[in-house]
Structure formats: C-alpha cells, structure tokens
Amino acid sequence: TSWGSRTPLDVVLVEPELVAEITVDTALEHGAWRHPV
C-alpha cells in the first residue's frame, strides 16, 4: 500500500495501453516515486 509497508495492495491487472498525465514530487528511488502521484 505504501513505500516500506508490508500491507498488501489489492490490484486488478489491466492491459498497459493508456498514457496518463500525473503530478509528482521529487522523491525517487530506483526510478520509482516514493510518494503517491
């Protein structure tokens, strides 16, 4: 559910065929944002 958490996130996988515009902060680690976008 969040960075460093052990609580599982329930996801439904979808075809990766859409592009989204997002806003983010600058905290990155290994190319992934640490905070929710």
Full PDB file with SEQRES, HELIX, SHEET, SSBOND, CRYST1, ORIGX, SCALE, CONECT and MASTER records, all heavy atoms in Angstrom:
SEQRES   1 A   37  THR SER TRP GLY SER ARG THR PRO LEU ASP VAL VAL LEU          
SEQRES   2 A   37  VAL GLU PRO GLU LEU VAL ALA GLU ILE THR VAL ASP THR          
SEQRES   3 A   37  ALA LEU GLU HIS GLY ALA TRP ARG HIS PRO VAL                  
SHEET    1 AA1 2 LEU A  28  GLU A  29  0                                        
SHEET    2 AA1 2 ALA A  32  TRP A  33 -1                                        
CRYST1    1.000    1.000    1.000  90.00  90.00  90.00 P 1           1          
ORIGX1      1.000000  0.000000  0.000000        0.00000                         
ORIGX2      0.000000  1.000000  0.000000        0.00000                         
ORIGX3      0.000000  0.000000  1.000000        0.00000                         
SCALE1      1.000000  0.000000  0.000000        0.00000                         
SCALE2      0.000000  1.000000  0.000000        0.00000                         
SCALE3      0.000000  0.000000  1.000000        0.00000                         
ATOM      1  N   THR A   1       0.793  -1.223   0.000  1.00  0.00           N  
ATOM      2  CA  THR A   1       0.000   0.000   0.000  1.00  0.00           C  
ATOM      3  C   THR A   1       0.825   1.273   0.000  1.00  0.00           C  
ATOM      4  O   THR A   1       0.359   2.309  -0.457  1.00  0.00           O  
ATOM      5  CB  THR A   1      -0.953   0.029   1.207  1.00  0.00           C  
ATOM      6  OG1 THR A   1      -0.183  -0.113   2.402  1.00  0.00           O  
ATOM      7  CG2 THR A   1      -1.986  -1.066   1.118  1.00  0.00           C  
ATOM      8  N   SER A   2       2.042   1.219   0.521  1.00  0.00           N  
ATOM      9  CA  SER A   2       2.884   2.412   0.542  1.00  0.00           C  
ATOM     10  C   SER A   2       4.340   2.000   0.624  1.00  0.00           C  
ATOM     11  O   SER A   2       4.666   0.843   0.883  1.00  0.00           O  
ATOM     12  CB  SER A   2       2.516   3.321   1.721  1.00  0.00           C  
ATOM     13  OG  SER A   2       2.744   2.647   2.937  1.00  0.00           O  
ATOM     14  N   TRP A   3       5.215   2.989   0.432  1.00  0.00           N  
ATOM     15  CA  TRP A   3       6.654   2.744   0.473  1.00  0.00           C  
ATOM     16  C   TRP A   3       7.045   2.176   1.834  1.00  0.00           C  
ATOM     17  O   TRP A   3       6.710   2.728   2.866  1.00  0.00           O  
ATOM     18  CB  TRP A   3       7.382   4.064   0.242  1.00  0.00           C  
ATOM     19  CG  TRP A   3       8.817   3.869  -0.072  1.00  0.00           C  
ATOM     20  CD1 TRP A   3       9.860   3.971   0.791  1.00  0.00           C  
ATOM     21  CD2 TRP A   3       9.364   3.529  -1.327  1.00  0.00           C  
ATOM     22  NE1 TRP A   3      11.025   3.710   0.145  1.00  0.00           N  
ATOM     23  CE2 TRP A   3      10.749   3.437  -1.164  1.00  0.00           C  
ATOM     24  CE3 TRP A   3       8.824   3.278  -2.574  1.00  0.00           C  
ATOM     25  CZ2 TRP A   3      11.605   3.124  -2.206  1.00  0.00           C  
ATOM     26  CZ3 TRP A   3       9.677   2.966  -3.608  1.00  0.00           C  
ATOM     27  CH2 TRP A   3      11.045   2.891  -3.415  1.00  0.00           C  
ATOM     28  N   GLY A   4       7.713   1.049   1.863  1.00  0.00           N  
ATOM     29  CA  GLY A   4       8.178   0.446   3.098  1.00  0.00           C  
ATOM     30  C   GLY A   4       7.113  -0.327   3.858  1.00  0.00           C  
ATOM     31  O   GLY A   4       7.388  -0.893   4.906  1.00  0.00           O  
ATOM     32  N   SER A   5       5.897  -0.355   3.358  1.00  0.00           N  
ATOM     33  CA  SER A   5       4.799  -1.062   4.030  1.00  0.00           C  
ATOM     34  C   SER A   5       4.847  -2.555   3.689  1.00  0.00           C  
ATOM     35  O   SER A   5       5.387  -2.961   2.675  1.00  0.00           O  
ATOM     36  CB  SER A   5       3.460  -0.491   3.553  1.00  0.00           C  
ATOM     37  OG  SER A   5       2.397  -1.295   4.006  1.00  0.00           O  
ATOM     38  N   ARG A   6       4.254  -3.348   4.561  1.00  0.00           N  
ATOM     39  CA  ARG A   6       4.082  -4.772   4.286  1.00  0.00           C  
ATOM     40  C   ARG A   6       2.613  -5.102   4.011  1.00  0.00           C  
ATOM     41  O   ARG A   6       2.269  -6.232   3.724  1.00  0.00           O  
ATOM     42  CB  ARG A   6       4.602  -5.605   5.444  1.00  0.00           C  
ATOM     43  CG  ARG A   6       6.104  -5.502   5.628  1.00  0.00           C  
ATOM     44  CD  ARG A   6       6.573  -6.457   6.712  1.00  0.00           C  
ATOM     45  NE  ARG A   6       7.971  -6.309   6.986  1.00  0.00           N  
ATOM     46  CZ  ARG A   6       8.935  -6.945   6.339  1.00  0.00           C  
ATOM     47  NH1 ARG A   6       8.649  -7.767   5.374  1.00  0.00           N  
ATOM     48  NH2 ARG A   6      10.198  -6.760   6.667  1.00  0.00           N  
ATOM     49  N   THR A   7       1.746  -4.082   4.097  1.00  0.00           N  
ATOM     50  CA  THR A   7       0.321  -4.280   3.855  1.00  0.00           C  
ATOM     51  C   THR A   7       0.095  -4.465   2.357  1.00  0.00           C  
ATOM     52  O   THR A   7       0.452  -3.588   1.564  1.00  0.00           O  
ATOM     53  CB  THR A   7      -0.484  -3.066   4.356  1.00  0.00           C  
ATOM     54  OG1 THR A   7      -0.180  -2.842   5.724  1.00  0.00           O  
ATOM     55  CG2 THR A   7      -1.976  -3.295   4.178  1.00  0.00           C  
ATOM     56  N   PRO A   8      -0.483  -5.592   1.948  1.00  0.00           N  
ATOM     57  CA  PRO A   8      -0.660  -5.829   0.512  1.00  0.00           C  
ATOM     58  C   PRO A   8      -1.677  -4.869  -0.108  1.00  0.00           C  
ATOM     59  O   PRO A   8      -2.653  -4.466   0.523  1.00  0.00           O  
ATOM     60  CB  PRO A   8      -1.151  -7.270   0.439  1.00  0.00           C  
ATOM     61  CG  PRO A   8      -1.617  -7.625   1.794  1.00  0.00           C  
ATOM     62  CD  PRO A   8      -0.967  -6.701   2.764  1.00  0.00           C  
ATOM     63  N   LEU A   9      -1.414  -4.511  -1.336  1.00  0.00           N  
ATOM     64  CA  LEU A   9      -2.304  -3.664  -2.118  1.00  0.00           C  
ATOM     65  C   LEU A   9      -3.084  -4.569  -3.058  1.00  0.00           C  
ATOM     66  O   LEU A   9      -2.504  -5.365  -3.797  1.00  0.00           O  
ATOM     67  CB  LEU A   9      -1.496  -2.646  -2.924  1.00  0.00           C  
ATOM     68  CG  LEU A   9      -2.272  -1.695  -3.820  1.00  0.00           C  
ATOM     69  CD1 LEU A   9      -3.142  -0.774  -2.970  1.00  0.00           C  
ATOM     70  CD2 LEU A   9      -1.323  -0.887  -4.675  1.00  0.00           C  
ATOM     71  N   ASP A  10      -4.397  -4.466  -3.016  1.00  0.00           N  
ATOM     72  CA  ASP A  10      -5.250  -5.258  -3.898  1.00  0.00           C  
ATOM     73  C   ASP A  10      -5.276  -4.585  -5.269  1.00  0.00           C  
ATOM     74  O   ASP A  10      -5.742  -3.455  -5.391  1.00  0.00           O  
ATOM     75  CB  ASP A  10      -6.653  -5.337  -3.291  1.00  0.00           C  
ATOM     76  CG  ASP A  10      -7.579  -6.241  -4.077  1.00  0.00           C  
ATOM     77  OD1 ASP A  10      -7.083  -7.176  -4.750  1.00  0.00           O  
ATOM     78  OD2 ASP A  10      -8.798  -6.023  -4.019  1.00  0.00           O  
ATOM     79  N   VAL A  11      -4.748  -5.243  -6.291  1.00  0.00           N  
ATOM     80  CA  VAL A  11      -4.711  -4.671  -7.636  1.00  0.00           C  
ATOM     81  C   VAL A  11      -5.463  -5.562  -8.606  1.00  0.00           C  
ATOM     82  O   VAL A  11      -5.533  -6.780  -8.423  1.00  0.00           O  
ATOM     83  CB  VAL A  11      -3.267  -4.460  -8.142  1.00  0.00           C  
ATOM     84  CG1 VAL A  11      -2.513  -3.479  -7.278  1.00  0.00           C  
ATOM     85  CG2 VAL A  11      -2.513  -5.757  -8.243  1.00  0.00           C  
ATOM     86  N   VAL A  12      -6.016  -4.938  -9.626  1.00  0.00           N  
ATOM     87  CA  VAL A  12      -6.623  -5.643 -10.750  1.00  0.00           C  
ATOM     88  C   VAL A  12      -5.764  -5.295 -11.954  1.00  0.00           C  
ATOM     89  O   VAL A  12      -5.668  -4.119 -12.335  1.00  0.00           O  
ATOM     90  CB  VAL A  12      -8.086  -5.206 -10.972  1.00  0.00           C  
ATOM     91  CG1 VAL A  12      -8.650  -5.863 -12.223  1.00  0.00           C  
ATOM     92  CG2 VAL A  12      -8.932  -5.518  -9.749  1.00  0.00           C  
ATOM     93  N   LEU A  13      -5.124  -6.276 -12.530  1.00  0.00           N  
ATOM     94  CA  LEU A  13      -4.231  -6.018 -13.653  1.00  0.00           C  
ATOM     95  C   LEU A  13      -5.028  -5.688 -14.906  1.00  0.00           C  
ATOM     96  O   LEU A  13      -6.052  -6.310 -15.185  1.00  0.00           O  
ATOM     97  CB  LEU A  13      -3.330  -7.232 -13.897  1.00  0.00           C  
ATOM     98  CG  LEU A  13      -2.424  -7.616 -12.733  1.00  0.00           C  
ATOM     99  CD1 LEU A  13      -1.628  -8.869 -13.079  1.00  0.00           C  
ATOM    100  CD2 LEU A  13      -1.500  -6.473 -12.357  1.00  0.00           C  
ATOM    101  N   VAL A  14      -4.537  -4.703 -15.659  1.00  0.00           N  
ATOM    102  CA  VAL A  14      -5.170  -4.276 -16.905  1.00  0.00           C  
ATOM    103  C   VAL A  14      -4.115  -4.223 -18.000  1.00  0.00           C  
ATOM    104  O   VAL A  14      -2.911  -4.242 -17.729  1.00  0.00           O  
ATOM    105  CB  VAL A  14      -5.851  -2.899 -16.750  1.00  0.00           C  
ATOM    106  CG1 VAL A  14      -6.971  -2.953 -15.720  1.00  0.00           C  
ATOM    107  CG2 VAL A  14      -4.851  -1.816 -16.405  1.00  0.00           C  
ATOM    108  N   GLU A  15      -4.592  -4.154 -19.239  1.00  0.00           N  
ATOM    109  CA  GLU A  15      -3.664  -4.017 -20.357  1.00  0.00           C  
ATOM    110  C   GLU A  15      -2.984  -2.649 -20.269  1.00  0.00           C  
ATOM    111  O   GLU A  15      -3.653  -1.634 -20.082  1.00  0.00           O  
ATOM    112  CB  GLU A  15      -4.410  -4.154 -21.691  1.00  0.00           C  
ATOM    113  CG  GLU A  15      -4.915  -5.556 -21.963  1.00  0.00           C  
ATOM    114  CD  GLU A  15      -3.800  -6.581 -22.077  1.00  0.00           C  
ATOM    115  OE1 GLU A  15      -2.676  -6.232 -22.525  1.00  0.00           O  
ATOM    116  OE2 GLU A  15      -4.051  -7.743 -21.732  1.00  0.00           O  
ATOM    117  N   PRO A  16      -1.668  -2.611 -20.386  1.00  0.00           N  
ATOM    118  CA  PRO A  16      -0.927  -1.341 -20.267  1.00  0.00           C  
ATOM    119  C   PRO A  16      -0.948  -0.562 -21.582  1.00  0.00           C  
ATOM    120  O   PRO A  16       0.031  -0.505 -22.313  1.00  0.00           O  
ATOM    121  CB  PRO A  16       0.485  -1.803 -19.895  1.00  0.00           C  
ATOM    122  CG  PRO A  16       0.594  -3.163 -20.522  1.00  0.00           C  
ATOM    123  CD  PRO A  16      -0.782  -3.756 -20.477  1.00  0.00           C  
ATOM    124  N   GLU A  17      -2.096   0.062 -21.886  1.00  0.00           N  
ATOM    125  CA  GLU A  17      -2.251   0.692 -23.196  1.00  0.00           C  
ATOM    126  C   GLU A  17      -2.718   2.151 -23.123  1.00  0.00           C  
ATOM    127  O   GLU A  17      -3.037   2.733 -24.147  1.00  0.00           O  
ATOM    128  CB  GLU A  17      -3.223  -0.134 -24.046  1.00  0.00           C  
ATOM    129  CG  GLU A  17      -4.572  -0.352 -23.400  1.00  0.00           C  
ATOM    130  CD  GLU A  17      -5.388  -1.462 -24.038  1.00  0.00           C  
ATOM    131  OE1 GLU A  17      -4.832  -2.219 -24.858  1.00  0.00           O  
ATOM    132  OE2 GLU A  17      -6.569  -1.561 -23.712  1.00  0.00           O  
ATOM    133  N   LEU A  18      -2.750   2.736 -21.939  1.00  0.00           N  
ATOM    134  CA  LEU A  18      -3.148   4.131 -21.786  1.00  0.00           C  
ATOM    135  C   LEU A  18      -2.002   4.938 -21.194  1.00  0.00           C  
ATOM    136  O   LEU A  18      -1.197   4.419 -20.424  1.00  0.00           O  
ATOM    137  CB  LEU A  18      -4.363   4.245 -20.859  1.00  0.00           C  
ATOM    138  CG  LEU A  18      -5.652   3.600 -21.343  1.00  0.00           C  
ATOM    139  CD1 LEU A  18      -6.715   3.674 -20.261  1.00  0.00           C  
ATOM    140  CD2 LEU A  18      -6.133   4.253 -22.625  1.00  0.00           C  
ATOM    141  N   VAL A  19      -1.947   6.218 -21.543  1.00  0.00           N  
ATOM    142  CA  VAL A  19      -0.954   7.141 -21.004  1.00  0.00           C  
ATOM    143  C   VAL A  19      -1.680   8.149 -20.116  1.00  0.00           C  
ATOM    144  O   VAL A  19      -2.715   8.691 -20.508  1.00  0.00           O  
ATOM    145  CB  VAL A  19      -0.189   7.869 -22.132  1.00  0.00           C  
ATOM    146  CG1 VAL A  19       0.767   8.918 -21.561  1.00  0.00           C  
ATOM    147  CG2 VAL A  19       0.563   6.867 -22.999  1.00  0.00           C  
ATOM    148  N   ALA A  20      -1.140   8.374 -18.941  1.00  0.00           N  
ATOM    149  CA  ALA A  20      -1.736   9.333 -18.003  1.00  0.00           C  
ATOM    150  C   ALA A  20      -0.768  10.468 -17.739  1.00  0.00           C  
ATOM    151  O   ALA A  20       0.439  10.260 -17.647  1.00  0.00           O  
ATOM    152  CB  ALA A  20      -2.073   8.635 -16.685  1.00  0.00           C  
ATOM    153  N   GLU A  21      -1.317  11.658 -17.608  1.00  0.00           N  
ATOM    154  CA  GLU A  21      -0.547  12.804 -17.130  1.00  0.00           C  
ATOM    155  C   GLU A  21      -0.714  12.828 -15.619  1.00  0.00           C  
ATOM    156  O   GLU A  21      -1.832  12.699 -15.105  1.00  0.00           O  
ATOM    157  CB  GLU A  21      -1.090  14.082 -17.737  1.00  0.00           C  
ATOM    158  CG  GLU A  21      -0.334  15.324 -17.335  1.00  0.00           C  
ATOM    159  CD  GLU A  21      -0.886  16.553 -18.031  1.00  0.00           C  
ATOM    160  OE1 GLU A  21      -1.246  16.470 -19.226  1.00  0.00           O  
ATOM    161  OE2 GLU A  21      -0.965  17.601 -17.357  1.00  0.00           O  
ATOM    162  N   ILE A  22       0.389  12.973 -14.912  1.00  0.00           N  
ATOM    163  CA  ILE A  22       0.363  12.930 -13.456  1.00  0.00           C  
ATOM    164  C   ILE A  22       1.170  14.095 -12.892  1.00  0.00           C  
ATOM    165  O   ILE A  22       1.985  14.687 -13.601  1.00  0.00           O  
ATOM    166  CB  ILE A  22       0.927  11.591 -12.929  1.00  0.00           C  
ATOM    167  CG1 ILE A  22       2.334  11.354 -13.459  1.00  0.00           C  
ATOM    168  CG2 ILE A  22       0.002  10.441 -13.287  1.00  0.00           C  
ATOM    169  CD1 ILE A  22       3.032  10.140 -12.894  1.00  0.00           C  
ATOM    170  N   THR A  23       0.937  14.402 -11.619  1.00  0.00           N  
ATOM    171  CA  THR A  23       1.783  15.357 -10.907  1.00  0.00           C  
ATOM    172  C   THR A  23       2.476  14.591  -9.792  1.00  0.00           C  
ATOM    173  O   THR A  23       1.889  13.685  -9.194  1.00  0.00           O  
ATOM    174  CB  THR A  23       0.980  16.543 -10.344  1.00  0.00           C  
ATOM    175  OG1 THR A  23      -0.016  16.049  -9.460  1.00  0.00           O  
ATOM    176  CG2 THR A  23       0.327  17.340 -11.447  1.00  0.00           C  
ATOM    177  N   VAL A  24       3.743  14.943  -9.560  1.00  0.00           N  
ATOM    178  CA  VAL A  24       4.571  14.191  -8.620  1.00  0.00           C  
ATOM    179  C   VAL A  24       5.429  15.127  -7.791  1.00  0.00           C  
ATOM    180  O   VAL A  24       5.598  16.286  -8.122  1.00  0.00           O  
ATOM    181  CB  VAL A  24       5.496  13.203  -9.386  1.00  0.00           C  
ATOM    182  CG1 VAL A  24       4.697  12.242 -10.215  1.00  0.00           C  
ATOM    183  CG2 VAL A  24       6.492  13.941 -10.255  1.00  0.00           C  
ATOM    184  N   ASP A  25       5.985  14.556  -6.713  1.00  0.00           N  
ATOM    185  CA  ASP A  25       7.027  15.296  -6.015  1.00  0.00           C  
ATOM    186  C   ASP A  25       8.360  14.781  -6.537  1.00  0.00           C  
ATOM    187  O   ASP A  25       8.408  14.071  -7.535  1.00  0.00           O  
ATOM    188  CB  ASP A  25       6.878  15.191  -4.493  1.00  0.00           C  
ATOM    189  CG  ASP A  25       7.110  13.783  -3.961  1.00  0.00           C  
ATOM    190  OD1 ASP A  25       7.690  12.936  -4.662  1.00  0.00           O  
ATOM    191  OD2 ASP A  25       6.718  13.526  -2.808  1.00  0.00           O  
ATOM    192  N   THR A  26       9.443  15.088  -5.868  1.00  0.00           N  
ATOM    193  CA  THR A  26      10.759  14.737  -6.410  1.00  0.00           C  
ATOM    194  C   THR A  26      11.404  13.525  -5.763  1.00  0.00           C  
ATOM    195  O   THR A  26      12.523  13.175  -6.126  1.00  0.00           O  
ATOM    196  CB  THR A  26      11.712  15.937  -6.276  1.00  0.00           C  
ATOM    197  OG1 THR A  26      11.802  16.289  -4.892  1.00  0.00           O  
ATOM    198  CG2 THR A  26      11.220  17.125  -7.084  1.00  0.00           C  
ATOM    199  N   ALA A  27      10.741  12.876  -4.817  1.00  0.00           N  
ATOM    200  CA  ALA A  27      11.361  11.750  -4.109  1.00  0.00           C  
ATOM    201  C   ALA A  27      11.306  10.487  -4.973  1.00  0.00           C  
ATOM    202  O   ALA A  27      10.263   9.870  -5.126  1.00  0.00           O  
ATOM    203  CB  ALA A  27      10.661  11.510  -2.773  1.00  0.00           C  
ATOM    204  N   LEU A  28      12.444  10.122  -5.531  1.00  0.00           N  
ATOM    205  CA  LEU A  28      12.577   8.926  -6.367  1.00  0.00           C  
ATOM    206  C   LEU A  28      13.554   7.954  -5.731  1.00  0.00           C  
ATOM    207  O   LEU A  28      14.526   8.369  -5.109  1.00  0.00           O  
ATOM    208  CB  LEU A  28      13.128   9.284  -7.751  1.00  0.00           C  
ATOM    209  CG  LEU A  28      12.216   9.959  -8.738  1.00  0.00           C  
ATOM    210  CD1 LEU A  28      13.020  10.434  -9.943  1.00  0.00           C  
ATOM    211  CD2 LEU A  28      11.120   9.028  -9.183  1.00  0.00           C  
ATOM    212  N   GLU A  29      13.317   6.670  -5.922  1.00  0.00           N  
ATOM    213  CA  GLU A  29      14.283   5.656  -5.529  1.00  0.00           C  
ATOM    214  C   GLU A  29      14.198   4.527  -6.537  1.00  0.00           C  
ATOM    215  O   GLU A  29      13.127   3.966  -6.758  1.00  0.00           O  
ATOM    216  CB  GLU A  29      14.012   5.134  -4.120  1.00  0.00           C  
ATOM    217  CG  GLU A  29      15.130   4.216  -3.656  1.00  0.00           C  
ATOM    218  CD  GLU A  29      15.118   3.991  -2.170  1.00  0.00           C  
ATOM    219  OE1 GLU A  29      14.945   4.959  -1.410  1.00  0.00           O  
ATOM    220  OE2 GLU A  29      15.296   2.833  -1.776  1.00  0.00           O  
ATOM    221  N   HIS A  30      15.315   4.222  -7.174  1.00  0.00           N  
ATOM    222  CA  HIS A  30      15.387   3.189  -8.211  1.00  0.00           C  
ATOM    223  C   HIS A  30      14.389   3.466  -9.327  1.00  0.00           C  
ATOM    224  O   HIS A  30      13.803   2.550  -9.891  1.00  0.00           O  
ATOM    225  CB  HIS A  30      15.160   1.790  -7.634  1.00  0.00           C  
ATOM    226  CG  HIS A  30      16.087   1.456  -6.507  1.00  0.00           C  
ATOM    227  ND1 HIS A  30      17.447   1.333  -6.675  1.00  0.00           N  
ATOM    228  CD2 HIS A  30      15.844   1.248  -5.193  1.00  0.00           C  
ATOM    229  CE1 HIS A  30      18.002   1.053  -5.513  1.00  0.00           C  
ATOM    230  NE2 HIS A  30      17.055   1.005  -4.596  1.00  0.00           N  
ATOM    231  N   GLY A  31      14.158   4.750  -9.645  1.00  0.00           N  
ATOM    232  CA  GLY A  31      13.267   5.126 -10.733  1.00  0.00           C  
ATOM    233  C   GLY A  31      11.794   5.127 -10.400  1.00  0.00           C  
ATOM    234  O   GLY A  31      10.974   5.365 -11.271  1.00  0.00           O  
ATOM    235  N   ALA A  32      11.421   4.850  -9.157  1.00  0.00           N  
ATOM    236  CA  ALA A  32      10.011   4.858  -8.762  1.00  0.00           C  
ATOM    237  C   ALA A  32       9.781   5.976  -7.756  1.00  0.00           C  
ATOM    238  O   ALA A  32      10.648   6.282  -6.946  1.00  0.00           O  
ATOM    239  CB  ALA A  32       9.618   3.512  -8.146  1.00  0.00           C  
ATOM    240  N   TRP A  33       8.598   6.592  -7.840  1.00  0.00           N  
ATOM    241  CA  TRP A  33       8.280   7.644  -6.884  1.00  0.00           C  
ATOM    242  C   TRP A  33       7.944   7.045  -5.537  1.00  0.00           C  
ATOM    243  O   TRP A  33       7.182   6.083  -5.442  1.00  0.00           O  
ATOM    244  CB  TRP A  33       7.111   8.489  -7.382  1.00  0.00           C  
ATOM    245  CG  TRP A  33       7.542   9.414  -8.464  1.00  0.00           C  
ATOM    246  CD1 TRP A  33       8.385  10.482  -8.342  1.00  0.00           C  
ATOM    247  CD2 TRP A  33       7.182   9.343  -9.829  1.00  0.00           C  
ATOM    248  NE1 TRP A  33       8.561  11.082  -9.554  1.00  0.00           N  
ATOM    249  CE2 TRP A  33       7.838  10.400 -10.492  1.00  0.00           C  
ATOM    250  CE3 TRP A  33       6.372   8.502 -10.570  1.00  0.00           C  
ATOM    251  CZ2 TRP A  33       7.700  10.638 -11.842  1.00  0.00           C  
ATOM    252  CZ3 TRP A  33       6.228   8.727 -11.915  1.00  0.00           C  
ATOM    253  CH2 TRP A  33       6.894   9.788 -12.535  1.00  0.00           C  
ATOM    254  N   ARG A  34       8.502   7.619  -4.499  1.00  0.00           N  
ATOM    255  CA  ARG A  34       8.263   7.116  -3.145  1.00  0.00           C  
ATOM    256  C   ARG A  34       6.903   7.537  -2.617  1.00  0.00           C  
ATOM    257  O   ARG A  34       6.318   6.842  -1.805  1.00  0.00           O  
ATOM    258  CB  ARG A  34       9.343   7.629  -2.192  1.00  0.00           C  
ATOM    259  CG  ARG A  34      10.702   7.008  -2.496  1.00  0.00           C  
ATOM    260  CD  ARG A  34      11.682   7.370  -1.458  1.00  0.00           C  
ATOM    261  NE  ARG A  34      11.281   6.734  -0.198  1.00  0.00           N  
ATOM    262  CZ  ARG A  34      12.015   6.708   0.876  1.00  0.00           C  
ATOM    263  NH1 ARG A  34      13.185   7.273   0.871  1.00  0.00           N  
ATOM    264  NH2 ARG A  34      11.593   6.121   1.961  1.00  0.00           N  
ATOM    265  N   HIS A  35       6.410   8.696  -3.046  1.00  0.00           N  
ATOM    266  CA  HIS A  35       5.118   9.197  -2.580  1.00  0.00           C  
ATOM    267  C   HIS A  35       4.071   8.996  -3.665  1.00  0.00           C  
ATOM    268  O   HIS A  35       4.398   8.988  -4.849  1.00  0.00           O  
ATOM    269  CB  HIS A  35       5.225  10.678  -2.208  1.00  0.00           C  
ATOM    270  CG  HIS A  35       6.254  10.914  -1.154  1.00  0.00           C  
ATOM    271  ND1 HIS A  35       7.326  11.757  -1.335  1.00  0.00           N  
ATOM    272  CD2 HIS A  35       6.400  10.392   0.083  1.00  0.00           C  
ATOM    273  CE1 HIS A  35       8.076  11.753  -0.254  1.00  0.00           C  
ATOM    274  NE2 HIS A  35       7.544  10.925   0.621  1.00  0.00           N  
ATOM    275  N   PRO A  36       2.824   8.856  -3.280  1.00  0.00           N  
ATOM    276  CA  PRO A  36       1.776   8.681  -4.293  1.00  0.00           C  
ATOM    277  C   PRO A  36       1.750   9.848  -5.279  1.00  0.00           C  
ATOM    278  O   PRO A  36       1.974  11.000  -4.911  1.00  0.00           O  
ATOM    279  CB  PRO A  36       0.482   8.629  -3.478  1.00  0.00           C  
ATOM    280  CG  PRO A  36       0.901   8.220  -2.115  1.00  0.00           C  
ATOM    281  CD  PRO A  36       2.272   8.810  -1.921  1.00  0.00           C  
ATOM    282  N   VAL A  37       1.476   9.524  -6.525  1.00  0.00           N  
ATOM    283  CA  VAL A  37       1.333  10.529  -7.575  1.00  0.00           C  
ATOM    284  C   VAL A  37      -0.141  10.927  -7.673  1.00  0.00           C  
ATOM    285  O   VAL A  37      -1.016  10.200  -7.195  1.00  0.00           O  
ATOM    286  CB  VAL A  37       1.856  10.010  -8.927  1.00  0.00           C  
ATOM    287  CG1 VAL A  37       3.294   9.532  -8.802  1.00  0.00           C  
ATOM    288  CG2 VAL A  37       0.966   8.906  -9.477  1.00  0.00           C  
TER     289      VAL A  37                                                      
MASTER        0    0    0    0    2    0    0    6  288    1    0    3          
END                                                                             
